[in-house]
Amino acid sequence: DGSAGTKGNVLDAVAANGLDADMIFACGPMPMLRAVKRYAQEK
């Protein structure tokens, strides 16, 4: 709901803060993990 930090999900926070990484460790609901997998493949 945007009441703290970036409004949206973890990948929205990555984009909003201009972050990058060499590797990802993740745990969460399946829709989030699917999105993380796609992001890792793109990067």
PDB file of all heavy atoms in Angstrom:
ATOM      1  N   ASP A   1       0.799  -1.226   0.000  1.00  0.00           N
ATOM      2  CA  ASP A   1       0.000   0.000   0.000  1.00  0.00           C
ATOM      3  C   ASP A   1       0.834   1.278   0.000  1.00  0.00           C
ATOM      4  O   ASP A   1       0.291   2.387   0.034  1.00  0.00           O
ATOM      5  CB  ASP A   1      -0.970   0.010   1.190  1.00  0.00           C
ATOM      6  CG  ASP A   1      -0.261   0.015   2.545  1.00  0.00           C
ATOM      7  OD1 ASP A   1       0.992   0.015   2.568  1.00  0.00           O
ATOM      8  OD2 ASP A   1      -0.956   0.001   3.571  1.00  0.00           O
ATOM      9  N   GLY A   2       2.169   1.143  -0.014  1.00  0.00           N
ATOM     10  CA  GLY A   2       3.030   2.311  -0.047  1.00  0.00           C
ATOM     11  C   GLY A   2       3.163   3.046   1.270  1.00  0.00           C
ATOM     12  O   GLY A   2       3.717   4.152   1.324  1.00  0.00           O
ATOM     13  N   SER A   3       2.715   2.425   2.364  1.00  0.00           N
ATOM     14  CA  SER A   3       2.752   3.092   3.666  1.00  0.00           C
ATOM     15  C   SER A   3       4.143   3.107   4.286  1.00  0.00           C
ATOM     16  O   SER A   3       4.392   3.828   5.255  1.00  0.00           O
ATOM     17  CB  SER A   3       1.759   2.437   4.629  1.00  0.00           C
ATOM     18  OG  SER A   3       2.015   1.045   4.746  1.00  0.00           O
ATOM     19  N   ALA A   4       5.069   2.328   3.745  1.00  0.00           N
ATOM     20  CA  ALA A   4       6.469   2.343   4.193  1.00  0.00           C
ATOM     21  C   ALA A   4       7.347   1.928   3.026  1.00  0.00           C
ATOM     22  O   ALA A   4       7.007   1.011   2.270  1.00  0.00           O
ATOM     23  CB  ALA A   4       6.680   1.399   5.374  1.00  0.00           C
ATOM     24  N   GLY A   5       8.464   2.609   2.868  1.00  0.00           N
ATOM     25  CA  GLY A   5       9.379   2.257   1.785  1.00  0.00           C
ATOM     26  C   GLY A   5       8.773   2.480   0.410  1.00  0.00           C
ATOM     27  O   GLY A   5       7.943   3.367   0.204  1.00  0.00           O
ATOM     28  N   THR A   6       9.177   1.644  -0.535  1.00  0.00           N
ATOM     29  CA  THR A   6       8.675   1.724  -1.908  1.00  0.00           C
ATOM     30  C   THR A   6       7.286   1.107  -2.014  1.00  0.00           C
ATOM     31  O   THR A   6       7.026   0.060  -1.427  1.00  0.00           O
ATOM     32  CB  THR A   6       9.633   0.981  -2.858  1.00  0.00           C
ATOM     33  OG1 THR A   6      10.939   1.541  -2.759  1.00  0.00           O
ATOM     34  CG2 THR A   6       9.154   1.051  -4.305  1.00  0.00           C
ATOM     35  N   LYS A   7       6.399   1.726  -2.762  1.00  0.00           N
ATOM     36  CA  LYS A   7       5.094   1.117  -3.002  1.00  0.00           C
ATOM     37  C   LYS A   7       5.250   0.011  -4.039  1.00  0.00           C
ATOM     38  O   LYS A   7       5.801   0.227  -5.121  1.00  0.00           O
ATOM     39  CB  LYS A   7       4.089   2.147  -3.501  1.00  0.00           C
ATOM     40  CG  LYS A   7       2.688   1.559  -3.702  1.00  0.00           C
ATOM     41  CD  LYS A   7       1.666   2.602  -4.086  1.00  0.00           C
ATOM     42  CE  LYS A   7       0.286   1.973  -4.217  1.00  0.00           C
ATOM     43  NZ  LYS A   7      -0.751   2.972  -4.582  1.00  0.00           N
ATOM     44  N   GLY A   8       4.809  -1.198  -3.676  1.00  0.00           N
ATOM     45  CA  GLY A   8       4.901  -2.324  -4.597  1.00  0.00           C
ATOM     46  C   GLY A   8       5.577  -3.515  -3.959  1.00  0.00           C
ATOM     47  O   GLY A   8       5.424  -3.757  -2.766  1.00  0.00           O
ATOM     48  N   ASN A   9       6.367  -4.237  -4.755  1.00  0.00           N
ATOM     49  CA  ASN A   9       7.011  -5.457  -4.278  1.00  0.00           C
ATOM     50  C   ASN A   9       8.526  -5.299  -4.225  1.00  0.00           C
ATOM     51  O   ASN A   9       9.057  -4.211  -4.442  1.00  0.00           O
ATOM     52  CB  ASN A   9       6.606  -6.645  -5.161  1.00  0.00           C
ATOM     53  CG  ASN A   9       6.948  -6.418  -6.632  1.00  0.00           C
ATOM     54  OD1 ASN A   9       7.967  -5.801  -6.959  1.00  0.00           O
ATOM     55  ND2 ASN A   9       6.105  -6.903  -7.528  1.00  0.00           N
ATOM     56  N   VAL A  10       9.214  -6.386  -3.946  1.00  0.00           N
ATOM     57  CA  VAL A  10      10.669  -6.305  -3.776  1.00  0.00           C
ATOM     58  C   VAL A  10      11.382  -5.845  -5.053  1.00  0.00           C
ATOM     59  O   VAL A  10      12.372  -5.102  -4.989  1.00  0.00           O
ATOM     60  CB  VAL A  10      11.264  -7.642  -3.291  1.00  0.00           C
ATOM     61  CG1 VAL A  10      10.821  -7.941  -1.868  1.00  0.00           C
ATOM     62  CG2 VAL A  10      10.903  -8.799  -4.221  1.00  0.00           C
ATOM     63  N   LEU A  11      10.881  -6.237  -6.211  1.00  0.00           N
ATOM     64  CA  LEU A  11      11.527  -5.812  -7.455  1.00  0.00           C
ATOM     65  C   LEU A  11      11.239  -4.348  -7.754  1.00  0.00           C
ATOM     66  O   LEU A  11      12.069  -3.661  -8.363  1.00  0.00           O
ATOM     67  CB  LEU A  11      11.086  -6.710  -8.609  1.00  0.00           C
ATOM     68  CG  LEU A  11      11.593  -8.158  -8.518  1.00  0.00           C
ATOM     69  CD1 LEU A  11      11.061  -8.994  -9.662  1.00  0.00           C
ATOM     70  CD2 LEU A  11      13.118  -8.201  -8.493  1.00  0.00           C
ATOM     71  N   ASP A  12      10.097  -3.849  -7.305  1.00  0.00           N
ATOM     72  CA  ASP A  12       9.834  -2.417  -7.415  1.00  0.00           C
ATOM     73  C   ASP A  12      10.833  -1.641  -6.565  1.00  0.00           C
ATOM     74  O   ASP A  12      11.307  -0.564  -6.961  1.00  0.00           O
ATOM     75  CB  ASP A  12       8.408  -2.099  -6.959  1.00  0.00           C
ATOM     76  CG  ASP A  12       7.352  -2.658  -7.904  1.00  0.00           C
ATOM     77  OD1 ASP A  12       7.566  -2.603  -9.124  1.00  0.00           O
ATOM     78  OD2 ASP A  12       6.323  -3.157  -7.415  1.00  0.00           O
ATOM     79  N   ALA A  13      11.166  -2.184  -5.373  1.00  0.00           N
ATOM     80  CA  ALA A  13      12.148  -1.532  -4.502  1.00  0.00           C
ATOM     81  C   ALA A  13      13.538  -1.536  -5.138  1.00  0.00           C
ATOM     82  O   ALA A  13      14.294  -0.564  -5.016  1.00  0.00           O
ATOM     83  CB  ALA A  13      12.186  -2.224  -3.140  1.00  0.00           C
ATOM     84  N   VAL A  14      13.883  -2.622  -5.811  1.00  0.00           N
ATOM     85  CA  VAL A  14      15.169  -2.693  -6.517  1.00  0.00           C
ATOM     86  C   VAL A  14      15.244  -1.598  -7.578  1.00  0.00           C
ATOM     87  O   VAL A  14      16.236  -0.856  -7.680  1.00  0.00           O
ATOM     88  CB  VAL A  14      15.354  -4.089  -7.155  1.00  0.00           C
ATOM     89  CG1 VAL A  14      16.511  -4.081  -8.151  1.00  0.00           C
ATOM     90  CG2 VAL A  14      15.605  -5.138  -6.076  1.00  0.00           C
ATOM     91  N   ALA A  15      14.167  -1.470  -8.369  1.00  0.00           N
ATOM     92  CA  ALA A  15      14.149  -0.471  -9.439  1.00  0.00           C
ATOM     93  C   ALA A  15      14.156   0.949  -8.874  1.00  0.00           C
ATOM     94  O   ALA A  15      14.895   1.819  -9.365  1.00  0.00           O
ATOM     95  CB  ALA A  15      12.927  -0.693 -10.327  1.00  0.00           C
ATOM     96  N   ALA A  16      13.350   1.181  -7.840  1.00  0.00           N
ATOM     97  CA  ALA A  16      13.215   2.530  -7.280  1.00  0.00           C
ATOM     98  C   ALA A  16      14.513   3.030  -6.660  1.00  0.00           C
ATOM     99  O   ALA A  16      14.796   4.234  -6.659  1.00  0.00           O
ATOM    100  CB  ALA A  16      12.095   2.556  -6.241  1.00  0.00           C
ATOM    101  N   ASN A  17      15.313   2.102  -6.145  1.00  0.00           N
ATOM    102  CA  ASN A  17      16.564   2.478  -5.483  1.00  0.00           C
ATOM    103  C   ASN A  17      17.790   2.306  -6.370  1.00  0.00           C
ATOM    104  O   ASN A  17      18.917   2.507  -5.908  1.00  0.00           O
ATOM    105  CB  ASN A  17      16.728   1.667  -4.198  1.00  0.00           C
ATOM    106  CG  ASN A  17      15.740   2.076  -3.122  1.00  0.00           C
ATOM    107  OD1 ASN A  17      15.918   3.090  -2.452  1.00  0.00           O
ATOM    108  ND2 ASN A  17      14.673   1.289  -2.971  1.00  0.00           N
ATOM    109  N   GLY A  18      17.576   1.909  -7.626  1.00  0.00           N
ATOM    110  CA  GLY A  18      18.680   1.764  -8.569  1.00  0.00           C
ATOM    111  C   GLY A  18      19.699   0.724  -8.146  1.00  0.00           C
ATOM    112  O   GLY A  18      20.905   0.923  -8.303  1.00  0.00           O
ATOM    113  N   LEU A  19      19.211  -0.411  -7.620  1.00  0.00           N
ATOM    114  CA  LEU A  19      20.102  -1.430  -7.070  1.00  0.00           C
ATOM    115  C   LEU A  19      20.519  -2.452  -8.122  1.00  0.00           C
ATOM    116  O   LEU A  19      19.811  -2.686  -9.108  1.00  0.00           O
ATOM    117  CB  LEU A  19      19.407  -2.159  -5.909  1.00  0.00           C
ATOM    118  CG  LEU A  19      18.850  -1.285  -4.787  1.00  0.00           C
ATOM    119  CD1 LEU A  19      18.152  -2.149  -3.744  1.00  0.00           C
ATOM    120  CD2 LEU A  19      19.947  -0.451  -4.147  1.00  0.00           C
ATOM    121  N   ASP A  20      21.650  -3.088  -7.888  1.00  0.00           N
ATOM    122  CA  ASP A  20      22.093  -4.196  -8.728  1.00  0.00           C
ATOM    123  C   ASP A  20      22.870  -5.173  -7.863  1.00  0.00           C
ATOM    124  O   ASP A  20      23.311  -4.829  -6.759  1.00  0.00           O
ATOM    125  CB  ASP A  20      22.962  -3.705  -9.887  1.00  0.00           C
ATOM    126  CG  ASP A  20      24.260  -3.073  -9.394  1.00  0.00           C
ATOM    127  OD1 ASP A  20      25.232  -3.809  -9.161  1.00  0.00           O
ATOM    128  OD2 ASP A  20      24.298  -1.835  -9.215  1.00  0.00           O
ATOM    129  N   ALA A  21      23.027  -6.397  -8.336  1.00  0.00           N
ATOM    130  CA  ALA A  21      23.714  -7.429  -7.560  1.00  0.00           C
ATOM    131  C   ALA A  21      24.284  -8.491  -8.483  1.00  0.00           C
ATOM    132  O   ALA A  21      23.916  -8.582  -9.665  1.00  0.00           O
ATOM    133  CB  ALA A  21      22.761  -8.062  -6.552  1.00  0.00           C
ATOM    134  N   ASP A  22      25.187  -9.296  -7.909  1.00  0.00           N
ATOM    135  CA  ASP A  22      25.787 -10.415  -8.642  1.00  0.00           C
ATOM    136  C   ASP A  22      25.052 -11.722  -8.391  1.00  0.00           C
ATOM    137  O   ASP A  22      25.263 -12.698  -9.110  1.00  0.00           O
ATOM    138  CB  ASP A  22      27.247 -10.600  -8.201  1.00  0.00           C
ATOM    139  CG  ASP A  22      28.071  -9.344  -8.348  1.00  0.00           C
ATOM    140  OD1 ASP A  22      28.008  -8.724  -9.435  1.00  0.00           O
ATOM    141  OD2 ASP A  22      28.769  -8.961  -7.384  1.00  0.00           O
ATOM    142  N   MET A  23      24.209 -11.748  -7.357  1.00  0.00           N
ATOM    143  CA  MET A  23      23.566 -12.988  -6.940  1.00  0.00           C
ATOM    144  C   MET A  23      22.338 -12.657  -6.096  1.00  0.00           C
ATOM    145  O   MET A  23      22.284 -11.598  -5.462  1.00  0.00           O
ATOM    146  CB  MET A  23      24.557 -13.832  -6.117  1.00  0.00           C
ATOM    147  CG  MET A  23      24.004 -15.119  -5.549  1.00  0.00           C
ATOM    148  SD  MET A  23      25.284 -16.035  -4.645  1.00  0.00           S
ATOM    149  CE  MET A  23      26.317 -16.538  -6.011  1.00  0.00           C
ATOM    150  N   ILE A  24      21.374 -13.573  -6.100  1.00  0.00           N
ATOM    151  CA  ILE A  24      20.147 -13.382  -5.322  1.00  0.00           C
ATOM    152  C   ILE A  24      19.903 -14.583  -4.424  1.00  0.00           C
ATOM    153  O   ILE A  24      20.053 -15.734  -4.848  1.00  0.00           O
ATOM    154  CB  ILE A  24      18.914 -13.208  -6.237  1.00  0.00           C
ATOM    155  CG1 ILE A  24      19.077 -12.002  -7.162  1.00  0.00           C
ATOM    156  CG2 ILE A  24      17.634 -13.076  -5.408  1.00  0.00           C
ATOM    157  CD1 ILE A  24      17.994 -11.886  -8.208  1.00  0.00           C
ATOM    158  N   PHE A  25      19.507 -14.312  -3.185  1.00  0.00           N
ATOM    159  CA  PHE A  25      18.939 -15.312  -2.279  1.00  0.00           C
ATOM    160  C   PHE A  25      17.528 -14.831  -1.956  1.00  0.00           C
ATOM    161  O   PHE A  25      17.344 -13.670  -1.567  1.00  0.00           O
ATOM    162  CB  PHE A  25      19.746 -15.420  -0.982  1.00  0.00           C
ATOM    163  CG  PHE A  25      21.163 -15.891  -1.159  1.00  0.00           C
ATOM    164  CD1 PHE A  25      22.227 -15.136  -0.689  1.00  0.00           C
ATOM    165  CD2 PHE A  25      21.430 -17.101  -1.782  1.00  0.00           C
ATOM    166  CE1 PHE A  25      23.542 -15.572  -0.829  1.00  0.00           C
ATOM    167  CE2 PHE A  25      22.736 -17.549  -1.938  1.00  0.00           C
ATOM    168  CZ  PHE A  25      23.792 -16.782  -1.466  1.00  0.00           C
ATOM    169  N   ALA A  26      16.530 -15.704  -2.084  1.00  0.00           N
ATOM    170  CA  ALA A  26      15.156 -15.242  -1.908  1.00  0.00           C
ATOM    171  C   ALA A  26      14.272 -16.290  -1.243  1.00  0.00           C
ATOM    172  O   ALA A  26      14.473 -17.491  -1.404  1.00  0.00           O
ATOM    173  CB  ALA A  26      14.552 -14.852  -3.255  1.00  0.00           C
ATOM    174  N   CYS A  27      13.278 -15.786  -0.501  1.00  0.00           N
ATOM    175  CA  CYS A  27      12.253 -16.641   0.093  1.00  0.00           C
ATOM    176  C   CYS A  27      10.968 -15.827   0.177  1.00  0.00           C
ATOM    177  O   CYS A  27      10.987 -14.660   0.585  1.00  0.00           O
ATOM    178  CB  CYS A  27      12.678 -17.100   1.489  1.00  0.00           C
ATOM    179  SG  CYS A  27      11.496 -18.242   2.275  1.00  0.00           S
ATOM    180  N   GLY A  28       9.868 -16.440  -0.218  1.00  0.00           N
ATOM    181  CA  GLY A  28       8.599 -15.726  -0.181  1.00  0.00           C
ATOM    182  C   GLY A  28       7.525 -16.490  -0.924  1.00  0.00           C
ATOM    183  O   GLY A  28       7.721 -17.646  -1.320  1.00  0.00           O
ATOM    184  N   PRO A  29       6.391 -15.849  -1.153  1.00  0.00           N
ATOM    185  CA  PRO A  29       5.292 -16.524  -1.865  1.00  0.00           C
ATOM    186  C   PRO A  29       5.669 -16.819  -3.313  1.00  0.00           C
ATOM    187  O   PRO A  29       6.541 -16.167  -3.895  1.00  0.00           O
ATOM    188  CB  PRO A  29       4.137 -15.524  -1.760  1.00  0.00           C
ATOM    189  CG  PRO A  29       4.792 -14.202  -1.500  1.00  0.00           C
ATOM    190  CD  PRO A  29       6.023 -14.494  -0.716  1.00  0.00           C
ATOM    191  N   MET A  30       5.003 -17.786  -3.891  1.00  0.00           N
ATOM    192  CA  MET A  30       5.354 -18.240  -5.230  1.00  0.00           C
ATOM    193  C   MET A  30       5.319 -17.156  -6.302  1.00  0.00           C
ATOM    194  O   MET A  30       6.229 -17.101  -7.156  1.00  0.00           O
ATOM    195  CB  MET A  30       4.463 -19.412  -5.638  1.00  0.00           C
ATOM    196  CG  MET A  30       4.937 -20.148  -6.874  1.00  0.00           C
ATOM    197  SD  MET A  30       6.597 -20.872  -6.674  1.00  0.00           S
ATOM    198  CE  MET A  30       6.205 -22.302  -5.647  1.00  0.00           C
ATOM    199  N   PRO A  31       4.328 -16.245  -6.326  1.00  0.00           N
ATOM    200  CA  PRO A  31       4.365 -15.196  -7.351  1.00  0.00           C
ATOM    201  C   PRO A  31       5.643 -14.351  -7.270  1.00  0.00           C
ATOM    202  O   PRO A  31       6.204 -13.969  -8.298  1.00  0.00           O
ATOM    203  CB  PRO A  31       3.124 -14.358  -7.043  1.00  0.00           C
ATOM    204  CG  PRO A  31       2.184 -15.310  -6.377  1.00  0.00           C
ATOM    205  CD  PRO A  31       3.063 -16.202  -5.553  1.00  0.00           C
ATOM    206  N   MET A  32       6.106 -14.072  -6.063  1.00  0.00           N
ATOM    207  CA  MET A  32       7.348 -13.325  -5.889  1.00  0.00           C
ATOM    208  C   MET A  32       8.532 -14.118  -6.424  1.00  0.00           C
ATOM    209  O   MET A  32       9.393 -13.576  -7.143  1.00  0.00           O
ATOM    210  CB  MET A  32       7.562 -13.007  -4.414  1.00  0.00           C
ATOM    211  CG  MET A  32       8.916 -12.396  -4.108  1.00  0.00           C
ATOM    212  SD  MET A  32       9.281 -12.342  -2.342  1.00  0.00           S
ATOM    213  CE  MET A  32      11.033 -12.737  -2.352  1.00  0.00           C
ATOM    214  N   LEU A  33       8.595 -15.404  -6.108  1.00  0.00           N
ATOM    215  CA  LEU A  33       9.735 -16.221  -6.544  1.00  0.00           C
ATOM    216  C   LEU A  33       9.761 -16.378  -8.064  1.00  0.00           C
ATOM    217  O   LEU A  33      10.834 -16.412  -8.670  1.00  0.00           O
ATOM    218  CB  LEU A  33       9.697 -17.585  -5.856  1.00  0.00           C
ATOM    219  CG  LEU A  33       9.850 -17.555  -4.326  1.00  0.00           C
ATOM    220  CD1 LEU A  33       9.810 -18.972  -3.779  1.00  0.00           C
ATOM    221  CD2 LEU A  33      11.139 -16.845  -3.914  1.00  0.00           C
ATOM    222  N   ARG A  34       8.596 -16.472  -8.676  1.00  0.00           N
ATOM    223  CA  ARG A  34       8.553 -16.532 -10.150  1.00  0.00           C
ATOM    224  C   ARG A  34       9.116 -15.243 -10.744  1.00  0.00           C
ATOM    225  O   ARG A  34       9.871 -15.267 -11.725  1.00  0.00           O
ATOM    226  CB  ARG A  34       7.116 -16.752 -10.624  1.00  0.00           C
ATOM    227  CG  ARG A  34       6.556 -18.139 -10.309  1.00  0.00           C
ATOM    228  CD  ARG A  34       5.247 -18.371 -11.034  1.00  0.00           C
ATOM    229  NE  ARG A  34       4.668 -19.659 -10.664  1.00  0.00           N
ATOM    230  CZ  ARG A  34       3.595 -19.822  -9.889  1.00  0.00           C
ATOM    231  NH1 ARG A  34       2.967 -18.757  -9.394  1.00  0.00           N
ATOM    232  NH2 ARG A  34       3.144 -21.020  -9.596  1.00  0.00           N
ATOM    233  N   ALA A  35       8.745 -14.113 -10.143  1.00  0.00           N
ATOM    234  CA  ALA A  35       9.248 -12.828 -10.632  1.00  0.00           C
ATOM    235  C   ALA A  35      10.755 -12.708 -10.414  1.00  0.00           C
ATOM    236  O   ALA A  35      11.476 -12.195 -11.272  1.00  0.00           O
ATOM    237  CB  ALA A  35       8.511 -11.693  -9.929  1.00  0.00           C
ATOM    238  N   VAL A  36      11.237 -13.197  -9.282  1.00  0.00           N
ATOM    239  CA  VAL A  36      12.673 -13.178  -8.998  1.00  0.00           C
ATOM    240  C   VAL A  36      13.422 -14.044 -10.011  1.00  0.00           C
ATOM    241  O   VAL A  36      14.483 -13.665 -10.521  1.00  0.00           O
ATOM    242  CB  VAL A  36      12.952 -13.649  -7.558  1.00  0.00           C
ATOM    243  CG1 VAL A  36      14.440 -13.920  -7.351  1.00  0.00           C
ATOM    244  CG2 VAL A  36      12.462 -12.621  -6.550  1.00  0.00           C
ATOM    245  N   LYS A  37      12.861 -15.195 -10.332  1.00  0.00           N
ATOM    246  CA  LYS A  37      13.497 -16.075 -11.316  1.00  0.00           C
ATOM    247  C   LYS A  37      13.599 -15.391 -12.675  1.00  0.00           C
ATOM    248  O   LYS A  37      14.655 -15.427 -13.327  1.00  0.00           O
ATOM    249  CB  LYS A  37      12.715 -17.390 -11.441  1.00  0.00           C
ATOM    250  CG  LYS A  37      13.300 -18.343 -12.480  1.00  0.00           C
ATOM    251  CD  LYS A  37      12.546 -19.658 -12.534  1.00  0.00           C
ATOM    252  CE  LYS A  37      13.144 -20.577 -13.594  1.00  0.00           C
ATOM    253  NZ  LYS A  37      12.492 -21.909 -13.638  1.00  0.00           N
ATOM    254  N   ARG A  38      12.522 -14.730 -13.096  1.00  0.00           N
ATOM    255  CA  ARG A  38      12.551 -14.015 -14.378  1.00  0.00           C
ATOM    256  C   ARG A  38      13.589 -12.893 -14.352  1.00  0.00           C
ATOM    257  O   ARG A  38      14.342 -12.704 -15.316  1.00  0.00           O
ATOM    258  CB  ARG A  38      11.161 -13.443 -14.696  1.00  0.00           C
ATOM    259  CG  ARG A  38      10.130 -14.480 -15.088  1.00  0.00           C
ATOM    260  CD  ARG A  38       8.910 -13.830 -15.711  1.00  0.00           C
ATOM    261  NE  ARG A  38       8.229 -12.939 -14.778  1.00  0.00           N
ATOM    262  CZ  ARG A  38       7.259 -13.312 -13.937  1.00  0.00           C
ATOM    263  NH1 ARG A  38       6.853 -14.583 -13.918  1.00  0.00           N
ATOM    264  NH2 ARG A  38       6.693 -12.447 -13.136  1.00  0.00           N
ATOM    265  N   TYR A  39      13.630 -12.152 -13.257  1.00  0.00           N
ATOM    266  CA  TYR A  39      14.590 -11.055 -13.126  1.00  0.00           C
ATOM    267  C   TYR A  39      16.022 -11.590 -13.211  1.00  0.00           C
ATOM    268  O   TYR A  39      16.869 -11.014 -13.906  1.00  0.00           O
ATOM    269  CB  TYR A  39      14.361 -10.347 -11.785  1.00  0.00           C
ATOM    270  CG  TYR A  39      15.375  -9.266 -11.472  1.00  0.00           C
ATOM    271  CD1 TYR A  39      15.201  -7.966 -11.937  1.00  0.00           C
ATOM    272  CD2 TYR A  39      16.503  -9.547 -10.699  1.00  0.00           C
ATOM    273  CE1 TYR A  39      16.137  -6.973 -11.647  1.00  0.00           C
ATOM    274  CE2 TYR A  39      17.440  -8.556 -10.401  1.00  0.00           C
ATOM    275  CZ  TYR A  39      17.253  -7.277 -10.879  1.00  0.00           C
ATOM    276  OH  TYR A  39      18.174  -6.305 -10.601  1.00  0.00           O
ATOM    277  N   ALA A  40      16.301 -12.692 -12.514  1.00  0.00           N
ATOM    278  CA  ALA A  40      17.648 -13.274 -12.525  1.00  0.00           C
ATOM    279  C   ALA A  40      18.034 -13.738 -13.922  1.00  0.00           C
ATOM    280  O   ALA A  40      19.198 -13.576 -14.341  1.00  0.00           O
ATOM    281  CB  ALA A  40      17.712 -14.440 -11.538  1.00  0.00           C
ATOM    282  N   GLN A  41      17.067 -14.298 -14.653  1.00  0.00           N
ATOM    283  CA  GLN A  41      17.358 -14.727 -16.024  1.00  0.00           C
ATOM    284  C   GLN A  41      17.656 -13.528 -16.918  1.00  0.00           C
ATOM    285  O   GLN A  41      18.568 -13.566 -17.744  1.00  0.00           O
ATOM    286  CB  GLN A  41      16.173 -15.520 -16.567  1.00  0.00           C
ATOM    287  CG  GLN A  41      16.025 -16.895 -15.920  1.00  0.00           C
ATOM    288  CD  GLN A  41      14.757 -17.628 -16.354  1.00  0.00           C
ATOM    289  OE1 GLN A  41      13.726 -17.004 -16.638  1.00  0.00           O
ATOM    290  NE2 GLN A  41      14.827 -18.939 -16.395  1.00  0.00           N
ATOM    291  N   GLU A  42      16.889 -12.442 -16.744  1.00  0.00           N
ATOM    292  CA  GLU A  42      17.111 -11.239 -17.550  1.00  0.00           C
ATOM    293  C   GLU A  42      18.483 -10.628 -17.270  1.00  0.00           C
ATOM    294  O   GLU A  42      19.157 -10.136 -18.176  1.00  0.00           O
ATOM    295  CB  GLU A  42      16.016 -10.212 -17.244  1.00  0.00           C
ATOM    296  CG  GLU A  42      14.640 -10.608 -17.755  1.00  0.00           C
ATOM    297  CD  GLU A  42      13.538  -9.719 -17.183  1.00  0.00           C
ATOM    298  OE1 GLU A  42      13.865  -8.762 -16.444  1.00  0.00           O
ATOM    299  OE2 GLU A  42      12.353  -9.990 -17.472  1.00  0.00           O
ATOM    300  N   LYS A  43      18.896 -10.670 -16.004  1.00  0.00           N
ATOM    301  CA  LYS A  43      20.176 -10.089 -15.605  1.00  0.00           C
ATOM    302  C   LYS A  43      21.336 -11.081 -15.724  1.00  0.00           C
ATOM    303  O   LYS A  43      22.498 -10.700 -15.539  1.00  0.00           O
ATOM    304  CB  LYS A  43      20.102  -9.591 -14.156  1.00  0.00           C
ATOM    305  CG  LYS A  43      19.052  -8.514 -13.924  1.00  0.00           C
ATOM    306  CD  LYS A  43      19.374  -7.235 -14.687  1.00  0.00           C
ATOM    307  CE  LYS A  43      18.383  -6.134 -14.396  1.00  0.00           C
ATOM    308  NZ  LYS A  43      18.675  -4.879 -15.140  1.00  0.00           N
TER     309      LYS A  43
END
